[in-house]
N, C-alpha and C. Protein backbone atom coordinates (compact mmCIF):
# COMPACT_ATOMS: atom_id res chain seq x y z
N UNK A 1 21.30 -21.02 8.85
CA UNK A 1 20.23 -21.05 7.87
C UNK A 1 20.85 -21.10 6.48
N UNK A 2 20.43 -22.04 5.67
CA UNK A 2 21.00 -22.18 4.32
C UNK A 2 20.65 -20.99 3.42
N UNK A 3 21.48 -20.81 2.43
CA UNK A 3 21.31 -19.69 1.50
C UNK A 3 19.99 -19.79 0.74
N UNK A 4 19.59 -20.98 0.37
CA UNK A 4 18.33 -21.16 -0.37
C UNK A 4 17.13 -20.72 0.48
N UNK A 5 17.18 -21.03 1.76
CA UNK A 5 16.08 -20.62 2.65
C UNK A 5 16.05 -19.11 2.83
N UNK A 6 17.21 -18.50 2.95
CA UNK A 6 17.27 -17.04 3.06
C UNK A 6 16.76 -16.37 1.79
N UNK A 7 17.12 -16.93 0.66
CA UNK A 7 16.65 -16.38 -0.61
C UNK A 7 15.13 -16.49 -0.72
N UNK A 8 14.59 -17.62 -0.29
CA UNK A 8 13.14 -17.81 -0.33
C UNK A 8 12.44 -16.83 0.61
N UNK A 9 13.00 -16.61 1.80
CA UNK A 9 12.43 -15.64 2.73
C UNK A 9 12.48 -14.22 2.18
N UNK A 10 13.59 -13.88 1.54
CA UNK A 10 13.71 -12.55 0.94
C UNK A 10 12.69 -12.37 -0.17
N UNK A 11 12.48 -13.40 -0.98
CA UNK A 11 11.49 -13.33 -2.04
C UNK A 11 10.09 -13.19 -1.46
N UNK A 12 9.78 -13.94 -0.43
CA UNK A 12 8.48 -13.83 0.23
C UNK A 12 8.28 -12.45 0.84
N UNK A 13 9.34 -11.88 1.40
CA UNK A 13 9.24 -10.54 2.00
C UNK A 13 8.95 -9.49 0.93
N UNK A 14 9.60 -9.60 -0.22
CA UNK A 14 9.35 -8.64 -1.30
C UNK A 14 7.92 -8.78 -1.83
N UNK A 15 7.45 -10.00 -2.00
CA UNK A 15 6.09 -10.20 -2.46
C UNK A 15 5.07 -9.71 -1.44
N UNK A 16 5.37 -9.93 -0.16
CA UNK A 16 4.47 -9.46 0.89
C UNK A 16 4.42 -7.93 0.93
N UNK A 17 5.56 -7.28 0.76
CA UNK A 17 5.56 -5.81 0.77
C UNK A 17 4.75 -5.27 -0.41
N UNK A 18 4.82 -5.93 -1.55
CA UNK A 18 4.02 -5.52 -2.69
C UNK A 18 2.53 -5.76 -2.42
N UNK A 19 2.20 -6.91 -1.88
CA UNK A 19 0.81 -7.24 -1.59
C UNK A 19 0.20 -6.31 -0.54
N UNK A 20 0.97 -5.97 0.47
CA UNK A 20 0.48 -5.13 1.55
C UNK A 20 0.30 -3.68 1.10
N UNK A 21 1.17 -3.21 0.25
CA UNK A 21 1.09 -1.81 -0.16
C UNK A 21 0.13 -1.58 -1.32
N UNK A 22 -0.26 -2.65 -2.01
CA UNK A 22 -1.09 -2.51 -3.20
C UNK A 22 -2.45 -1.85 -2.95
N UNK A 23 -3.21 -2.21 -1.92
CA UNK A 23 -4.52 -1.55 -1.75
C UNK A 23 -4.42 -0.03 -1.57
N UNK A 24 -3.45 0.41 -0.80
CA UNK A 24 -3.31 1.86 -0.57
C UNK A 24 -2.83 2.55 -1.84
N UNK A 25 -1.95 1.91 -2.58
CA UNK A 25 -1.48 2.51 -3.84
C UNK A 25 -2.60 2.61 -4.86
N UNK A 26 -3.47 1.61 -4.89
CA UNK A 26 -4.60 1.65 -5.82
C UNK A 26 -5.55 2.79 -5.47
N UNK A 27 -5.81 2.97 -4.17
CA UNK A 27 -6.67 4.07 -3.74
C UNK A 27 -6.04 5.41 -4.10
N UNK A 28 -4.76 5.57 -3.85
CA UNK A 28 -4.08 6.83 -4.16
C UNK A 28 -4.10 7.10 -5.66
N UNK A 29 -3.87 6.08 -6.46
CA UNK A 29 -3.88 6.26 -7.91
C UNK A 29 -5.28 6.60 -8.42
N UNK A 30 -6.28 5.94 -7.88
CA UNK A 30 -7.66 6.21 -8.32
C UNK A 30 -8.09 7.63 -7.96
N UNK A 31 -7.79 8.06 -6.75
CA UNK A 31 -8.16 9.42 -6.34
C UNK A 31 -7.36 10.44 -7.13
N UNK A 32 -6.11 10.17 -7.40
CA UNK A 32 -5.31 11.07 -8.22
C UNK A 32 -5.85 11.19 -9.63
N UNK A 33 -6.28 10.07 -10.19
CA UNK A 33 -6.86 10.10 -11.53
C UNK A 33 -8.17 10.87 -11.55
N UNK A 34 -9.02 10.63 -10.55
CA UNK A 34 -10.29 11.35 -10.50
C UNK A 34 -10.09 12.85 -10.30
N UNK A 35 -9.13 13.22 -9.47
CA UNK A 35 -8.88 14.65 -9.28
C UNK A 35 -8.27 15.28 -10.53
N UNK A 36 -7.46 14.52 -11.27
CA UNK A 36 -6.90 15.05 -12.51
C UNK A 36 -7.99 15.24 -13.56
N UNK A 37 -8.93 14.28 -13.61
CA UNK A 37 -10.05 14.42 -14.54
C UNK A 37 -10.90 15.63 -14.16
N UNK A 38 -11.15 15.80 -12.86
CA UNK A 38 -11.93 16.95 -12.40
C UNK A 38 -11.23 18.26 -12.74
N UNK A 39 -9.91 18.30 -12.52
CA UNK A 39 -9.18 19.53 -12.83
C UNK A 39 -9.16 19.81 -14.32
N UNK A 40 -9.06 18.78 -15.13
CA UNK A 40 -9.07 18.98 -16.58
C UNK A 40 -10.44 19.44 -17.06
N UNK A 41 -11.49 18.91 -16.44
CA UNK A 41 -12.84 19.28 -16.87
C UNK A 41 -13.20 20.70 -16.45
N UNK A 42 -12.75 21.10 -15.27
CA UNK A 42 -13.10 22.42 -14.77
C UNK A 42 -12.03 23.47 -15.02
N UNK A 43 -10.88 23.06 -15.45
CA UNK A 43 -9.72 23.92 -15.70
C UNK A 43 -9.30 24.69 -14.45
N UNK A 44 -9.50 24.07 -13.29
CA UNK A 44 -9.03 24.63 -12.02
C UNK A 44 -7.71 23.95 -11.70
N UNK A 45 -6.64 24.70 -11.63
CA UNK A 45 -5.32 24.13 -11.41
C UNK A 45 -4.79 24.52 -10.03
N UNK A 46 -5.42 23.99 -9.01
CA UNK A 46 -5.01 24.28 -7.64
C UNK A 46 -4.37 23.03 -7.05
N UNK A 47 -3.20 23.19 -6.44
CA UNK A 47 -2.48 22.04 -5.90
C UNK A 47 -3.21 21.40 -4.73
N UNK A 48 -3.96 22.18 -3.99
CA UNK A 48 -4.69 21.62 -2.84
C UNK A 48 -5.77 20.65 -3.29
N UNK A 49 -6.28 20.83 -4.49
CA UNK A 49 -7.31 19.92 -5.00
C UNK A 49 -6.76 18.52 -5.26
N UNK A 50 -5.48 18.38 -5.46
CA UNK A 50 -4.91 17.05 -5.66
C UNK A 50 -4.41 16.45 -4.36
N UNK A 51 -3.86 17.26 -3.48
CA UNK A 51 -3.24 16.72 -2.28
C UNK A 51 -4.24 16.38 -1.18
N UNK A 52 -5.19 17.22 -0.95
CA UNK A 52 -6.12 16.99 0.16
C UNK A 52 -7.00 15.76 -0.03
N UNK A 53 -7.65 15.57 -1.17
CA UNK A 53 -8.46 14.36 -1.32
C UNK A 53 -7.62 13.08 -1.29
N UNK A 54 -6.43 13.14 -1.85
CA UNK A 54 -5.56 11.96 -1.83
C UNK A 54 -5.13 11.65 -0.40
N UNK A 55 -4.82 12.67 0.38
CA UNK A 55 -4.43 12.47 1.77
C UNK A 55 -5.57 11.84 2.57
N UNK A 56 -6.77 12.35 2.38
CA UNK A 56 -7.93 11.82 3.10
C UNK A 56 -8.21 10.39 2.67
N UNK A 57 -8.18 10.11 1.37
CA UNK A 57 -8.47 8.76 0.88
C UNK A 57 -7.44 7.75 1.35
N UNK A 58 -6.17 8.13 1.32
CA UNK A 58 -5.13 7.22 1.78
C UNK A 58 -5.24 6.99 3.29
N UNK A 59 -5.58 8.02 4.04
CA UNK A 59 -5.77 7.86 5.49
C UNK A 59 -6.92 6.91 5.79
N UNK A 60 -8.02 7.05 5.07
CA UNK A 60 -9.17 6.14 5.27
C UNK A 60 -8.80 4.72 4.86
N UNK A 61 -8.09 4.59 3.75
CA UNK A 61 -7.67 3.25 3.29
C UNK A 61 -6.75 2.60 4.31
N UNK A 62 -5.82 3.36 4.86
CA UNK A 62 -4.92 2.80 5.88
C UNK A 62 -5.69 2.40 7.14
N UNK A 63 -6.69 3.19 7.51
CA UNK A 63 -7.48 2.85 8.69
C UNK A 63 -8.29 1.58 8.46
N UNK A 64 -8.78 1.40 7.25
CA UNK A 64 -9.59 0.22 6.96
C UNK A 64 -8.75 -1.04 6.71
N UNK A 65 -7.64 -0.89 6.02
CA UNK A 65 -6.82 -2.03 5.62
C UNK A 65 -5.67 -2.27 6.59
N UNK A 66 -5.42 -1.33 7.48
CA UNK A 66 -4.30 -1.43 8.41
C UNK A 66 -4.26 -2.69 9.24
N UNK A 67 -5.37 -3.10 9.84
CA UNK A 67 -5.32 -4.34 10.63
C UNK A 67 -4.95 -5.57 9.80
N UNK A 68 -5.47 -5.64 8.58
CA UNK A 68 -5.11 -6.75 7.70
C UNK A 68 -3.62 -6.72 7.36
N UNK A 69 -3.11 -5.51 7.09
CA UNK A 69 -1.70 -5.35 6.78
C UNK A 69 -0.84 -5.81 7.95
N UNK A 70 -1.23 -5.41 9.15
CA UNK A 70 -0.48 -5.81 10.34
C UNK A 70 -0.49 -7.32 10.55
N UNK A 71 -1.65 -7.96 10.32
CA UNK A 71 -1.72 -9.42 10.46
C UNK A 71 -0.82 -10.13 9.45
N UNK A 72 -0.78 -9.61 8.23
CA UNK A 72 0.06 -10.23 7.20
C UNK A 72 1.55 -10.13 7.56
N UNK A 73 1.96 -8.96 8.01
CA UNK A 73 3.36 -8.77 8.37
C UNK A 73 3.72 -9.58 9.61
N UNK A 74 2.81 -9.62 10.59
CA UNK A 74 3.05 -10.41 11.78
C UNK A 74 3.15 -11.90 11.45
N UNK A 75 2.27 -12.38 10.59
CA UNK A 75 2.34 -13.79 10.18
C UNK A 75 3.64 -14.12 9.49
N UNK A 76 4.11 -13.22 8.65
CA UNK A 76 5.40 -13.45 8.00
C UNK A 76 6.55 -13.45 9.01
N UNK A 77 6.52 -12.52 9.95
CA UNK A 77 7.58 -12.45 10.95
C UNK A 77 7.61 -13.71 11.81
N UNK A 78 6.44 -14.21 12.16
CA UNK A 78 6.38 -15.44 12.96
C UNK A 78 6.95 -16.61 12.15
N UNK A 79 6.56 -16.71 10.88
CA UNK A 79 7.09 -17.79 10.03
C UNK A 79 8.59 -17.65 9.85
N UNK A 80 9.09 -16.42 9.73
CA UNK A 80 10.51 -16.22 9.46
C UNK A 80 11.37 -16.50 10.69
N UNK A 81 10.90 -16.07 11.87
CA UNK A 81 11.74 -16.20 13.06
C UNK A 81 11.52 -17.48 13.82
N UNK A 82 10.32 -18.02 13.80
CA UNK A 82 10.05 -19.26 14.53
C UNK A 82 10.44 -20.46 13.69
N UNK A 83 10.21 -20.38 12.43
CA UNK A 83 10.54 -21.49 11.54
C UNK A 83 9.32 -21.94 10.79
N UNK A 84 9.54 -22.85 9.88
CA UNK A 84 8.43 -23.29 9.02
C UNK A 84 7.72 -24.41 9.69
């Protein structure tokens, strides 16, 4: 396999990893921001208030987006190993 093709595959893999992880990261960031706003408004500084909602939201996001993520990674693997 030529170096240019390997470089292109590596670039596609990095972009795919960013694309696949983005929905879950957005959900985690949004829930973290909302919990920080809630804590600032109520002045309740409990660590469980930040971790538990974020854990639940990320778990739900992974359950909903997981099949799409798997299809994207599988499609890339098929393109990479079988050929273009």
